[in-house]
Amino acid sequence: MRTRDLRVTGYRPLVPPAILLEELPLSEEGSRAVARARADLLAIIDGEDDRLVAIFGPCSIHDPVAALDYARRLRAIGDELRADLVVVMRAYFMKPRTSVGWKGLVSDPHRDGSFRINDGLRMTRRLLLDLVEIGVPAACEFVDPISPQYTSDLVTWAAIGARTTESQVHRELASGLSFPVGFKNGTDGNVQIAIDAVRAASQPHSFMGVTEQGLAAIVETGGNPSAHIVLRGGTTGANHDAASVQRALAALGTASCPARLMIDLSHGNSGRDHLRQLSIAKDVAAQIASGERGIVGVMAESFIEDGRQDSEAVPLVYGKSITDPCIGWDRSVDVLRSLADAVRARRSTPTSGPTTPPARSADNRTRAPSRS
């Protein structure tokens, strides 16, 4: 009597990560650019650089051409504001769903239900290589422990989303990633689960995973000392305000974690009203300008055009999100400039000891060799 795969309807071959890395290699010059961008973020997170990380980009990427158009614009404003901001592009290719819907460029690149995942992986890696060439650091969300083997050498910052922050699999994954990882608070607004995730990810782990050759393996990690929380609000309301920020920083201190966090202007903080990101940005900028050094970064959902459109629309509006609504380019530039102004104001404000992120101690633990 058959007792396995009773609900599996089929298997298709998945290209091994090593094949894709060989087909679409990262050059030595490109790897140095990625390393520099990671170093910039680490310095900010550790309190050694007083700039702000600004992660701006679409809710999820569905059109590589529009994404590269956006990236070139982001590079220009990033260069203009480089003294005050390190601008990173939100380049999300996998879309976690509360129930059902399009799962992102990796899973369904042709948006027709064909789920040509190998095509999606190639498109994703090619686009990330293009971002490196343009000179724009990339921020991605990882929703499973396999996909990082295909792209993590190109990533500067990663998010673990609100739906997966409590997952032990994702905490273990983050412990082996070679760059800073932000854990978002839960969809219900619970910040403690993100703090617990930071603590877990900072420790060594052994878990089941895959190698670059696509073989099952026991992955051993040394822990990620640059994990931090991201306040994104929740069903209980927003948590971008000064009181919420102070409570989160105090809770981090109680947990013996560095007092550093990012704020997501969208999602639960905005109630998914993209235009509310503008008023939230003003509130966060005011906190920064008043001297708050525990805020090390800000995230926003931003694209070329305001709002969103249905993925089935014919024709699709160029540069407009097909998932969550985004603020358009002109509004995005205004927000970025206001954040840069706030950083300049913060420099003239005396340091407030309790909210200043302490420097990270040297990390001498041995890590298992991995591209992630």
Protein backbone atom coordinates (compact mmCIF):
# COMPACT_ATOMS: atom_id res chain seq x y z
CA MET A 1 0.00 0.00 0.00
CA ARG A 2 1.40 3.36 -0.99
CA THR A 3 1.90 5.76 1.93
CA ARG A 4 4.00 8.58 0.48
CA ASP A 5 3.47 11.39 -2.04
CA LEU A 6 -0.26 10.83 -1.92
CA ARG A 7 -0.92 14.52 -2.60
CA VAL A 8 2.13 15.24 -4.78
CA THR A 9 1.13 15.55 -8.42
CA GLY A 10 4.61 15.56 -9.90
CA TYR A 11 8.29 16.50 -9.72
CA ARG A 12 10.26 18.65 -12.14
CA PRO A 13 14.04 19.10 -12.21
CA LEU A 14 15.41 22.18 -10.50
CA VAL A 15 18.63 23.67 -11.86
CA PRO A 16 21.42 23.25 -9.26
CA PRO A 17 22.72 26.54 -7.85
CA ALA A 18 26.25 25.81 -9.11
CA ILE A 19 25.03 25.66 -12.71
CA LEU A 20 23.37 29.05 -12.45
CA LEU A 21 26.42 30.55 -10.74
CA GLU A 22 28.55 29.24 -13.62
CA GLU A 23 26.17 30.55 -16.30
CA LEU A 24 25.79 33.98 -14.69
CA PRO A 25 28.96 34.63 -12.69
CA LEU A 26 29.71 37.59 -10.46
CA SER A 27 32.90 39.31 -11.57
CA GLU A 28 35.71 40.18 -9.21
CA GLU A 29 34.89 43.86 -9.63
CA GLY A 30 31.25 43.11 -8.87
CA SER A 31 32.10 41.11 -5.76
CA ARG A 32 34.16 44.02 -4.45
CA ALA A 33 31.20 46.36 -5.02
CA VAL A 34 28.90 44.04 -3.06
CA ALA A 35 31.46 43.78 -0.26
CA ARG A 36 31.78 47.59 -0.06
CA ALA A 37 28.02 48.03 0.16
CA ARG A 38 27.78 45.42 2.91
CA ALA A 39 30.59 47.13 4.80
CA ASP A 40 28.73 50.45 4.61
CA LEU A 41 25.61 48.89 6.10
CA LEU A 42 27.55 47.11 8.82
CA ALA A 43 29.22 50.36 9.83
CA ILE A 44 25.85 52.10 10.10
CA ILE A 45 24.26 49.26 12.05
CA ASP A 46 27.24 49.13 14.40
CA GLY A 47 27.08 52.88 15.06
CA GLU A 48 30.41 53.56 13.38
CA ASP A 49 28.83 55.55 10.52
CA ASP A 50 26.18 58.19 11.26
CA ARG A 51 24.41 57.88 7.91
CA LEU A 52 21.01 56.23 7.49
CA VAL A 53 20.19 53.13 5.44
CA ALA A 54 17.33 53.89 3.03
CA ILE A 55 15.80 50.77 1.45
CA PHE A 56 13.44 51.87 -1.34
CA GLY A 57 11.84 49.88 -4.12
CA PRO A 58 8.78 48.03 -5.40
CA CYS A 59 6.69 45.76 -3.21
CA SER A 60 7.79 43.00 -5.60
CA ILE A 61 9.46 43.05 -8.99
CA HIS A 62 7.39 41.82 -11.93
CA ASP A 63 9.01 43.71 -14.82
CA PRO A 64 12.84 43.61 -15.01
CA VAL A 65 12.92 46.47 -17.54
CA ALA A 66 11.00 48.84 -15.26
CA ALA A 67 13.05 47.61 -12.29
CA LEU A 68 16.29 48.62 -14.03
CA ASP A 69 14.78 51.98 -15.00
CA TYR A 70 13.94 52.53 -11.34
CA ALA A 71 17.41 51.36 -10.28
CA ARG A 72 19.14 53.94 -12.49
CA ARG A 73 17.02 56.69 -10.96
CA LEU A 74 17.81 55.38 -7.49
CA ARG A 75 21.53 55.38 -8.28
CA ALA A 76 21.36 59.06 -9.25
CA ILE A 77 19.57 60.19 -6.07
CA GLY A 78 21.77 57.90 -4.00
CA ASP A 79 24.87 59.58 -5.38
CA GLU A 80 23.38 63.00 -4.62
CA LEU A 81 22.64 62.09 -0.99
CA ARG A 82 25.56 59.75 -0.32
CA ALA A 83 26.94 61.95 2.46
CA ASP A 84 23.81 61.29 4.54
CA LEU A 85 22.19 58.11 3.20
CA VAL A 86 23.20 54.71 1.91
CA VAL A 87 20.44 54.00 -0.59
CA VAL A 88 19.63 50.33 -1.23
CA MET A 89 17.06 49.01 -3.70
CA ARG A 90 14.27 46.84 -2.40
CA ALA A 91 14.54 43.97 -4.92
CA TYR A 92 11.98 41.41 -3.80
CA PHE A 93 11.43 38.42 -6.06
CA MET A 94 9.41 36.13 -3.79
CA LYS A 95 6.04 37.24 -2.47
CA PRO A 96 4.73 35.53 0.69
CA ARG A 97 0.95 35.37 0.62
CA THR A 98 -1.54 35.54 3.46
CA SER A 99 -3.78 33.21 1.46
CA VAL A 100 -3.29 32.90 -2.31
CA GLY A 101 -2.04 35.03 -5.18
CA TRP A 102 0.97 35.63 -7.42
CA LYS A 103 4.05 34.38 -5.56
CA GLY A 104 6.66 36.49 -7.31
CA LEU A 105 9.15 36.49 -10.17
CA VAL A 106 11.00 33.39 -8.96
CA SER A 107 7.92 31.21 -8.63
CA ASP A 108 5.87 32.38 -11.62
CA PRO A 109 7.99 34.65 -13.82
CA HIS A 110 5.54 34.66 -16.73
CA ARG A 111 2.54 35.37 -14.46
CA ASP A 112 0.49 32.69 -16.20
CA GLY A 113 0.43 29.90 -13.64
CA SER A 114 3.12 27.92 -15.45
CA PHE A 115 5.54 28.18 -12.47
CA ARG A 116 8.68 28.06 -14.61
CA ILE A 117 10.88 28.38 -11.55
CA ASN A 118 14.13 27.73 -13.41
CA ASP A 119 13.29 30.68 -15.69
CA GLY A 120 12.48 32.77 -12.63
CA LEU A 121 15.79 31.97 -10.97
CA ARG A 122 17.71 32.95 -14.11
CA MET A 123 15.76 36.19 -14.51
CA THR A 124 16.32 37.03 -10.86
CA ARG A 125 20.05 36.39 -10.91
CA ARG A 126 20.47 38.29 -14.18
CA LEU A 127 18.62 41.31 -12.75
CA LEU A 128 20.68 41.28 -9.57
CA LEU A 129 23.86 41.20 -11.67
CA ASP A 130 22.55 44.21 -13.59
CA LEU A 131 21.98 46.04 -10.29
CA VAL A 132 25.58 45.35 -9.30
CA GLU A 133 26.76 46.72 -12.64
CA ILE A 134 24.62 49.86 -12.22
CA GLY A 135 26.05 50.32 -8.73
CA VAL A 136 22.86 49.83 -6.72
CA PRO A 137 22.99 47.56 -3.64
CA ALA A 138 20.13 45.07 -3.41
CA ALA A 139 17.85 44.16 -0.51
CA CYS A 140 15.91 40.89 -0.84
CA GLU A 141 13.48 38.87 1.23
CA PHE A 142 14.22 35.19 1.68
CA VAL A 143 11.20 32.96 2.18
CA ASP A 144 12.88 29.54 2.03
CA PRO A 145 16.30 28.04 2.86
CA ILE A 146 17.14 26.95 -0.72
CA SER A 147 16.83 30.10 -2.87
CA PRO A 148 19.72 32.00 -1.18
CA GLN A 149 22.18 29.58 -2.76
CA TYR A 150 21.22 31.05 -6.16
CA THR A 151 21.55 34.77 -5.36
CA SER A 152 23.05 35.52 -1.95
CA ASP A 153 26.46 36.49 -3.36
CA LEU A 154 24.70 39.48 -4.97
CA VAL A 155 22.70 40.65 -1.92
CA THR A 156 23.63 43.45 0.49
CA TRP A 157 20.76 43.18 3.00
CA ALA A 158 17.97 40.68 3.58
CA ALA A 159 14.61 40.68 5.29
CA ILE A 160 12.81 37.89 7.05
CA GLY A 161 9.14 38.79 6.73
CA ALA A 162 6.45 39.15 9.35
CA ARG A 163 4.95 35.77 8.47
CA THR A 164 8.24 33.90 8.90
CA THR A 165 10.11 35.76 11.66
CA GLU A 166 8.90 33.18 14.19
CA SER A 167 10.04 30.28 12.00
CA GLN A 168 13.03 28.37 13.34
CA VAL A 169 14.03 27.51 9.75
CA HIS A 170 14.37 31.20 8.86
CA ARG A 171 16.22 32.05 12.06
CA GLU A 172 18.71 29.28 11.28
CA LEU A 173 19.01 30.49 7.69
CA ALA A 174 19.75 34.04 8.87
CA SER A 175 22.50 32.75 11.16
CA GLY A 176 24.52 31.76 8.10
CA LEU A 177 23.89 34.69 5.78
CA SER A 178 26.91 36.85 4.98
CA PHE A 179 25.18 40.22 5.35
CA PRO A 180 22.84 42.07 7.73
CA VAL A 181 19.38 40.60 8.18
CA GLY A 182 16.31 42.47 9.38
CA PHE A 183 13.56 40.54 11.17
CA LYS A 184 10.16 42.18 10.89
CA ASN A 185 7.80 42.14 13.84
CA GLY A 186 4.84 39.77 13.54
CA THR A 187 1.72 40.53 11.54
CA ASP A 188 -0.07 41.10 14.84
CA GLY A 189 2.49 43.75 15.79
CA ASN A 190 4.38 41.53 18.25
CA VAL A 191 7.93 42.91 18.48
CA GLN A 192 9.20 40.34 20.96
CA ILE A 193 9.20 37.55 18.36
CA ALA A 194 11.53 39.67 16.20
CA ILE A 195 13.82 40.25 19.18
CA ASP A 196 13.83 36.52 19.89
CA ALA A 197 14.70 35.95 16.24
CA VAL A 198 17.66 38.33 16.46
CA ARG A 199 18.97 36.46 19.48
CA ALA A 200 18.50 33.09 17.78
CA ALA A 201 20.14 34.20 14.53
CA SER A 202 23.19 35.49 16.37
CA GLN A 203 24.03 31.98 17.53
CA PRO A 204 25.62 29.04 15.67
CA HIS A 205 23.24 26.44 14.24
CA SER A 206 23.26 23.11 12.43
CA PHE A 207 20.34 22.33 10.16
CA MET A 208 19.31 20.57 6.98
CA GLY A 209 19.90 22.41 3.71
CA VAL A 210 21.39 22.08 0.25
CA THR A 211 24.84 22.72 -1.21
CA GLU A 212 25.64 24.68 -4.37
CA GLN A 213 25.57 21.34 -6.18
CA GLY A 214 21.97 20.88 -5.05
CA LEU A 215 22.80 18.02 -2.69
CA ALA A 216 21.17 17.59 0.69
CA ALA A 217 23.55 18.53 3.48
CA ILE A 218 23.87 19.46 7.12
CA VAL A 219 24.60 23.19 7.14
CA GLU A 220 26.71 24.52 10.02
CA THR A 221 26.76 28.26 10.72
CA GLY A 222 28.65 30.59 13.03
CA GLY A 223 25.83 33.02 13.78
CA ASN A 224 25.00 36.45 12.36
CA PRO A 225 26.00 39.35 14.64
CA SER A 226 24.33 41.93 12.38
CA ALA A 227 20.72 40.80 12.73
CA HIS A 228 18.28 43.51 13.83
CA ILE A 229 14.55 44.19 14.01
CA VAL A 230 12.31 46.07 11.60
CA LEU A 231 9.20 47.78 12.95
CA ARG A 232 6.43 47.36 10.36
CA GLY A 233 3.27 47.76 12.44
CA GLY A 234 0.55 45.13 12.58
CA THR A 235 -3.11 44.38 13.06
CA THR A 236 -2.97 46.16 16.42
CA GLY A 237 -1.79 49.38 14.77
CA ALA A 238 1.32 51.31 13.83
CA ASN A 239 4.61 51.22 15.74
CA HIS A 240 6.67 53.88 13.98
CA ASP A 241 5.99 56.60 16.58
CA ALA A 242 8.55 57.73 19.15
CA ALA A 243 6.90 55.88 22.06
CA SER A 244 6.87 52.60 20.14
CA VAL A 245 10.46 53.08 19.06
CA GLN A 246 11.56 53.70 22.65
CA ARG A 247 9.71 50.60 23.87
CA ALA A 248 11.37 48.51 21.18
CA LEU A 249 14.83 49.87 21.96
CA ALA A 250 14.29 49.25 25.68
CA ALA A 251 13.14 45.68 24.97
CA LEU A 252 16.25 45.11 22.88
CA GLY A 253 18.39 46.30 25.78
CA THR A 254 16.57 44.00 28.20
CA ALA A 255 17.29 41.11 25.85
CA SER A 256 21.00 42.11 25.72
CA CYS A 257 20.68 42.98 22.03
CA PRO A 258 22.18 46.12 20.47
CA ALA A 259 19.70 49.02 20.44
CA ARG A 260 19.32 49.34 16.69
CA LEU A 261 16.28 49.04 14.46
CA MET A 262 14.80 49.95 11.12
CA ILE A 263 11.34 51.31 10.41
CA ASP A 264 9.15 50.15 7.54
CA LEU A 265 6.95 53.02 6.38
CA SER A 266 4.52 50.63 4.71
CA HIS A 267 2.61 47.47 5.64
CA GLY A 268 1.01 47.65 9.10
CA ASN A 269 2.42 51.12 9.75
CA SER A 270 0.63 52.61 6.76
CA GLY A 271 -2.41 50.35 6.82
CA ARG A 272 -1.38 49.56 3.21
CA ASP A 273 -2.31 53.10 2.20
CA HIS A 274 0.74 54.05 0.16
CA LEU A 275 0.23 57.79 0.62
CA ARG A 276 0.36 57.43 4.41
CA GLN A 277 4.01 56.55 3.97
CA LEU A 278 4.60 60.28 3.45
CA SER A 279 3.29 61.35 6.87
CA ILE A 280 5.00 58.42 8.55
CA ALA A 281 8.27 59.44 6.91
CA LYS A 282 7.86 62.93 8.40
CA ASP A 283 7.33 61.45 11.86
CA VAL A 284 10.38 59.21 11.57
CA ALA A 285 12.49 62.05 10.14
CA ALA A 286 11.51 64.21 13.11
CA GLN A 287 12.69 61.49 15.51
CA ILE A 288 16.01 61.24 13.68
CA ALA A 289 16.45 65.01 13.56
CA SER A 290 15.83 65.22 17.30
CA GLY A 291 18.81 62.95 17.91
CA GLU A 292 17.45 59.40 17.87
CA ARG A 293 20.38 57.19 16.94
CA GLY A 294 18.67 53.88 17.51
CA ILE A 295 16.98 54.25 14.13
CA VAL A 296 19.57 53.00 11.63
CA GLY A 297 17.36 52.55 8.60
CA VAL A 298 14.06 53.26 6.87
CA MET A 299 12.20 51.14 4.32
CA ALA A 300 9.58 52.28 1.81
CA GLU A 301 7.55 50.69 -0.95
CA SER A 302 8.32 52.87 -3.94
CA PHE A 303 8.16 52.54 -7.71
CA ILE A 304 7.98 54.76 -10.78
CA GLU A 305 4.20 55.28 -10.62
CA ASP A 306 1.90 55.79 -7.64
CA GLY A 307 -0.45 53.04 -6.47
CA ARG A 308 -1.01 49.54 -7.79
CA GLN A 309 -2.76 47.70 -10.62
CA ASP A 310 -4.24 44.26 -11.10
CA SER A 311 -1.78 41.76 -12.51
CA GLU A 312 -4.34 40.77 -15.15
CA ALA A 313 -4.63 44.33 -16.51
CA VAL A 314 -4.07 44.64 -20.28
CA PRO A 315 -1.91 46.46 -20.95
CA LEU A 316 -0.05 46.84 -17.68
CA VAL A 317 0.91 50.37 -16.69
CA TYR A 318 4.69 50.64 -16.93
CA GLY A 319 6.42 51.07 -13.58
CA LYS A 320 3.35 50.41 -11.45
CA SER A 321 3.16 47.70 -8.79
CA ILE A 322 0.98 44.62 -9.29
CA THR A 323 1.08 43.74 -5.57
CA ASP A 324 1.02 46.31 -2.74
CA PRO A 325 0.62 49.99 -3.72
CA CYS A 326 3.78 52.11 -3.83
CA ILE A 327 4.57 55.80 -3.73
CA GLY A 328 5.69 57.12 -7.10
CA TRP A 329 9.13 58.38 -8.03
CA ASP A 330 8.67 62.10 -7.33
CA ARG A 331 7.24 61.42 -3.87
CA SER A 332 10.07 58.96 -3.21
CA VAL A 333 12.69 61.60 -3.98
CA ASP A 334 10.99 64.01 -1.56
CA VAL A 335 11.06 61.39 1.19
CA LEU A 336 14.71 60.55 0.58
CA ARG A 337 15.71 64.20 0.72
CA SER A 338 13.74 64.73 3.93
CA LEU A 339 15.54 61.77 5.52
CA ALA A 340 18.90 63.19 4.44
CA ASP A 341 17.94 66.53 6.02
CA ALA A 342 17.08 64.69 9.24
CA VAL A 343 20.46 62.97 9.32
CA ARG A 344 22.22 66.31 8.94
CA ALA A 345 20.15 67.71 11.81
CA ARG A 346 20.95 64.68 13.97
CA ARG A 347 24.65 65.34 13.60
CA SER A 348 24.25 68.63 15.44
CA THR A 349 22.22 67.04 18.25
CA PRO A 350 24.05 65.73 21.33
CA THR A 351 24.21 61.95 21.55
CA SER A 352 21.60 60.35 23.77
CA GLY A 353 23.44 57.50 25.45
CA PRO A 354 20.71 54.89 25.98
CA THR A 355 19.62 54.85 22.36
CA THR A 356 23.05 54.87 20.77
CA PRO A 357 23.79 51.48 19.17
CA PRO A 358 26.88 49.98 20.80
CA ALA A 359 29.68 48.89 18.53
CA ARG A 360 29.65 45.20 17.64
CA SER A 361 32.46 43.19 19.16
CA ALA A 362 34.76 41.39 16.79
CA ASP A 363 33.21 38.24 15.42
CA ASN A 364 35.85 35.52 15.51
CA ARG A 365 33.62 32.49 15.22
CA THR A 366 34.41 30.06 12.43
CA ARG A 367 31.80 29.91 9.70
CA ALA A 368 31.13 27.01 7.43
CA PRO A 369 32.16 27.78 3.83
CA SER A 370 29.08 28.97 1.95
CA ARG A 371 27.97 31.57 -0.55
CA SER A 372 25.13 32.45 1.78
